[in-house]
Amino acid sequence: MEQLLEILSEIRPDIDFATEEGLIDNGMLDSLNIMSIVSEITDAFDIVVSPADIIPSNFNSAKALWAMIERLK
């Protein structure tokens, strides 16, 4: 999870990913941010994120992202 938080902070240093739970719902991440996150986590965790996985509920918080990564490993 620590590595994920580092990746997210590099993409958007202005967001507190450790506590934020509405990244998509509150409009904090845009499509370019999402694509950057997908690219970074694909490389970092050696996973394949399919288009079906790119849904708001998987990207609303770092915890949700981590759950998706764990599921895809």
N, C-alpha and C. Protein backbone atom coordinates (compact mmCIF):
# COMPACT_ATOMS: atom_id res chain seq x y z
N MET A 1 0.83 -1.20 0.00
CA MET A 1 0.00 0.00 0.00
C MET A 1 0.87 1.26 0.00
N GLU A 2 2.00 1.19 0.70
CA GLU A 2 2.91 2.36 0.76
C GLU A 2 3.39 2.75 -0.63
N GLN A 3 3.72 1.74 -1.44
CA GLN A 3 4.19 2.01 -2.81
C GLN A 3 3.07 2.66 -3.63
N LEU A 4 1.85 2.21 -3.45
CA LEU A 4 0.71 2.80 -4.15
C LEU A 4 0.55 4.26 -3.76
N LEU A 5 0.63 4.56 -2.48
CA LEU A 5 0.49 5.95 -2.02
C LEU A 5 1.58 6.84 -2.61
N GLU A 6 2.79 6.30 -2.75
CA GLU A 6 3.88 7.06 -3.36
C GLU A 6 3.58 7.36 -4.82
N ILE A 7 3.08 6.37 -5.53
CA ILE A 7 2.74 6.54 -6.95
C ILE A 7 1.65 7.61 -7.09
N LEU A 8 0.62 7.50 -6.28
CA LEU A 8 -0.49 8.46 -6.35
C LEU A 8 -0.01 9.87 -6.03
N SER A 9 0.86 10.00 -5.04
CA SER A 9 1.37 11.32 -4.64
C SER A 9 2.23 11.94 -5.73
N GLU A 10 2.92 11.11 -6.50
CA GLU A 10 3.71 11.63 -7.62
C GLU A 10 2.81 12.19 -8.70
N ILE A 11 1.67 11.54 -8.92
CA ILE A 11 0.74 11.97 -9.97
C ILE A 11 -0.02 13.22 -9.54
N ARG A 12 -0.50 13.23 -8.30
CA ARG A 12 -1.26 14.38 -7.78
C ARG A 12 -0.80 14.70 -6.35
N PRO A 13 0.32 15.45 -6.22
CA PRO A 13 0.86 15.75 -4.88
C PRO A 13 -0.07 16.61 -4.02
N ASP A 14 -1.06 17.21 -4.61
CA ASP A 14 -1.97 18.10 -3.88
C ASP A 14 -3.11 17.36 -3.17
N ILE A 15 -3.20 16.04 -3.33
CA ILE A 15 -4.29 15.26 -2.73
C ILE A 15 -3.75 14.37 -1.62
N ASP A 16 -4.47 14.30 -0.50
CA ASP A 16 -4.11 13.39 0.59
C ASP A 16 -4.77 12.04 0.33
N PHE A 17 -4.06 11.19 -0.37
CA PHE A 17 -4.63 9.90 -0.78
C PHE A 17 -4.85 8.96 0.39
N ALA A 18 -4.15 9.17 1.49
CA ALA A 18 -4.29 8.29 2.64
C ALA A 18 -5.68 8.43 3.27
N THR A 19 -6.31 9.60 3.13
CA THR A 19 -7.60 9.81 3.79
C THR A 19 -8.76 10.09 2.84
N GLU A 20 -8.48 10.51 1.62
CA GLU A 20 -9.55 10.89 0.69
C GLU A 20 -10.32 9.66 0.21
N GLU A 21 -11.64 9.74 0.25
CA GLU A 21 -12.49 8.60 -0.14
C GLU A 21 -13.40 8.92 -1.32
N GLY A 22 -13.29 10.12 -1.89
CA GLY A 22 -14.16 10.50 -3.00
C GLY A 22 -13.39 11.04 -4.18
N LEU A 23 -12.32 10.37 -4.56
CA LEU A 23 -11.46 10.88 -5.62
C LEU A 23 -12.21 11.09 -6.94
N ILE A 24 -13.09 10.18 -7.27
CA ILE A 24 -13.87 10.30 -8.50
C ILE A 24 -15.14 11.10 -8.22
N ASP A 25 -15.85 10.73 -7.16
CA ASP A 25 -17.12 11.39 -6.84
C ASP A 25 -16.97 12.89 -6.66
N ASN A 26 -15.82 13.32 -6.13
CA ASN A 26 -15.59 14.74 -5.88
C ASN A 26 -14.81 15.42 -7.01
N GLY A 27 -14.59 14.71 -8.11
CA GLY A 27 -13.93 15.30 -9.27
C GLY A 27 -12.46 15.61 -9.08
N MET A 28 -11.82 14.92 -8.17
CA MET A 28 -10.40 15.19 -7.89
C MET A 28 -9.47 14.56 -8.92
N LEU A 29 -9.90 13.47 -9.54
CA LEU A 29 -9.11 12.82 -10.58
C LEU A 29 -9.83 12.93 -11.91
N ASP A 30 -9.08 13.27 -12.96
CA ASP A 30 -9.68 13.31 -14.29
C ASP A 30 -9.19 12.09 -15.08
N SER A 31 -9.63 11.97 -16.30
CA SER A 31 -9.31 10.79 -17.10
C SER A 31 -7.80 10.63 -17.33
N LEU A 32 -7.10 11.74 -17.48
CA LEU A 32 -5.64 11.65 -17.66
C LEU A 32 -4.97 11.14 -16.40
N ASN A 33 -5.45 11.57 -15.23
CA ASN A 33 -4.91 11.05 -13.97
C ASN A 33 -5.15 9.55 -13.87
N ILE A 34 -6.34 9.13 -14.24
CA ILE A 34 -6.69 7.70 -14.18
C ILE A 34 -5.76 6.89 -15.09
N MET A 35 -5.54 7.38 -16.31
CA MET A 35 -4.67 6.65 -17.23
C MET A 35 -3.23 6.61 -16.71
N SER A 36 -2.78 7.68 -16.09
CA SER A 36 -1.44 7.69 -15.49
C SER A 36 -1.35 6.68 -14.36
N ILE A 37 -2.37 6.63 -13.53
CA ILE A 37 -2.40 5.68 -12.42
C ILE A 37 -2.37 4.26 -12.95
N VAL A 38 -3.20 3.97 -13.95
CA VAL A 38 -3.25 2.62 -14.53
C VAL A 38 -1.87 2.24 -15.07
N SER A 39 -1.25 3.14 -15.79
CA SER A 39 0.07 2.87 -16.35
C SER A 39 1.09 2.58 -15.25
N GLU A 40 1.10 3.41 -14.23
CA GLU A 40 2.07 3.25 -13.14
C GLU A 40 1.85 1.96 -12.35
N ILE A 41 0.60 1.66 -12.00
CA ILE A 41 0.36 0.47 -11.19
C ILE A 41 0.55 -0.81 -12.00
N THR A 42 0.32 -0.73 -13.32
CA THR A 42 0.57 -1.89 -14.18
C THR A 42 2.04 -2.27 -14.12
N ASP A 43 2.91 -1.28 -14.22
CA ASP A 43 4.35 -1.52 -14.17
C ASP A 43 4.81 -1.91 -12.76
N ALA A 44 4.36 -1.16 -11.77
CA ALA A 44 4.85 -1.36 -10.40
C ALA A 44 4.43 -2.70 -9.80
N PHE A 45 3.22 -3.15 -10.11
CA PHE A 45 2.69 -4.35 -9.47
C PHE A 45 2.56 -5.53 -10.43
N ASP A 46 3.02 -5.36 -11.68
CA ASP A 46 3.00 -6.42 -12.68
C ASP A 46 1.61 -7.03 -12.81
N ILE A 47 0.64 -6.16 -13.07
CA ILE A 47 -0.75 -6.59 -13.24
C ILE A 47 -1.26 -6.06 -14.58
N VAL A 48 -2.39 -6.58 -15.01
CA VAL A 48 -3.07 -6.09 -16.20
C VAL A 48 -4.41 -5.52 -15.76
N VAL A 49 -4.62 -4.24 -16.01
CA VAL A 49 -5.87 -3.58 -15.67
C VAL A 49 -6.70 -3.51 -16.96
N SER A 50 -7.77 -4.26 -17.00
CA SER A 50 -8.61 -4.29 -18.20
C SER A 50 -9.56 -3.10 -18.21
N PRO A 51 -10.12 -2.78 -19.36
CA PRO A 51 -11.11 -1.69 -19.41
C PRO A 51 -12.27 -1.91 -18.44
N ALA A 52 -12.63 -3.16 -18.21
CA ALA A 52 -13.73 -3.47 -17.28
C ALA A 52 -13.39 -3.08 -15.84
N ASP A 53 -12.09 -3.00 -15.54
CA ASP A 53 -11.65 -2.63 -14.18
C ASP A 53 -11.63 -1.11 -13.98
N ILE A 54 -11.67 -0.37 -15.07
CA ILE A 54 -11.58 1.10 -14.98
C ILE A 54 -12.98 1.66 -14.76
N ILE A 55 -13.42 1.52 -13.52
CA ILE A 55 -14.74 2.01 -13.10
C ILE A 55 -14.56 2.89 -11.87
N PRO A 56 -15.44 3.84 -11.66
CA PRO A 56 -15.27 4.78 -10.54
C PRO A 56 -15.05 4.12 -9.18
N SER A 57 -15.75 3.05 -8.90
CA SER A 57 -15.62 2.44 -7.57
C SER A 57 -14.21 1.91 -7.30
N ASN A 58 -13.45 1.57 -8.34
CA ASN A 58 -12.07 1.11 -8.15
C ASN A 58 -11.08 2.25 -7.96
N PHE A 59 -11.50 3.47 -8.25
CA PHE A 59 -10.57 4.61 -8.21
C PHE A 59 -11.00 5.70 -7.23
N ASN A 60 -12.01 5.46 -6.42
CA ASN A 60 -12.53 6.49 -5.51
C ASN A 60 -11.63 6.72 -4.31
N SER A 61 -10.77 5.75 -3.98
CA SER A 61 -9.86 5.91 -2.85
C SER A 61 -8.64 5.02 -3.05
N ALA A 62 -7.59 5.31 -2.31
CA ALA A 62 -6.40 4.46 -2.36
C ALA A 62 -6.74 3.06 -1.89
N LYS A 63 -7.62 2.96 -0.91
CA LYS A 63 -8.03 1.65 -0.38
C LYS A 63 -8.72 0.83 -1.48
N ALA A 64 -9.59 1.47 -2.25
CA ALA A 64 -10.28 0.78 -3.35
C ALA A 64 -9.29 0.36 -4.44
N LEU A 65 -8.34 1.23 -4.73
CA LEU A 65 -7.31 0.90 -5.71
C LEU A 65 -6.49 -0.29 -5.24
N TRP A 66 -6.11 -0.27 -3.97
CA TRP A 66 -5.31 -1.36 -3.42
C TRP A 66 -6.07 -2.68 -3.49
N ALA A 67 -7.36 -2.65 -3.21
CA ALA A 67 -8.18 -3.86 -3.29
C ALA A 67 -8.20 -4.40 -4.72
N MET A 68 -8.29 -3.50 -5.69
CA MET A 68 -8.26 -3.92 -7.09
C MET A 68 -6.90 -4.54 -7.44
N ILE A 69 -5.83 -3.91 -7.01
CA ILE A 69 -4.48 -4.44 -7.28
C ILE A 69 -4.32 -5.84 -6.68
N GLU A 70 -4.75 -6.00 -5.43
CA GLU A 70 -4.66 -7.31 -4.77
C GLU A 70 -5.46 -8.36 -5.54
N ARG A 71 -6.62 -7.98 -6.02
CA ARG A 71 -7.48 -8.91 -6.76
C ARG A 71 -6.83 -9.31 -8.09
N LEU A 72 -6.12 -8.38 -8.72
CA LEU A 72 -5.54 -8.63 -10.04
C LEU A 72 -4.18 -9.33 -9.99
N LYS A 73 -3.59 -9.39 -8.83
CA LYS A 73 -2.26 -10.04 -8.71
C LYS A 73 -2.36 -11.52 -8.95
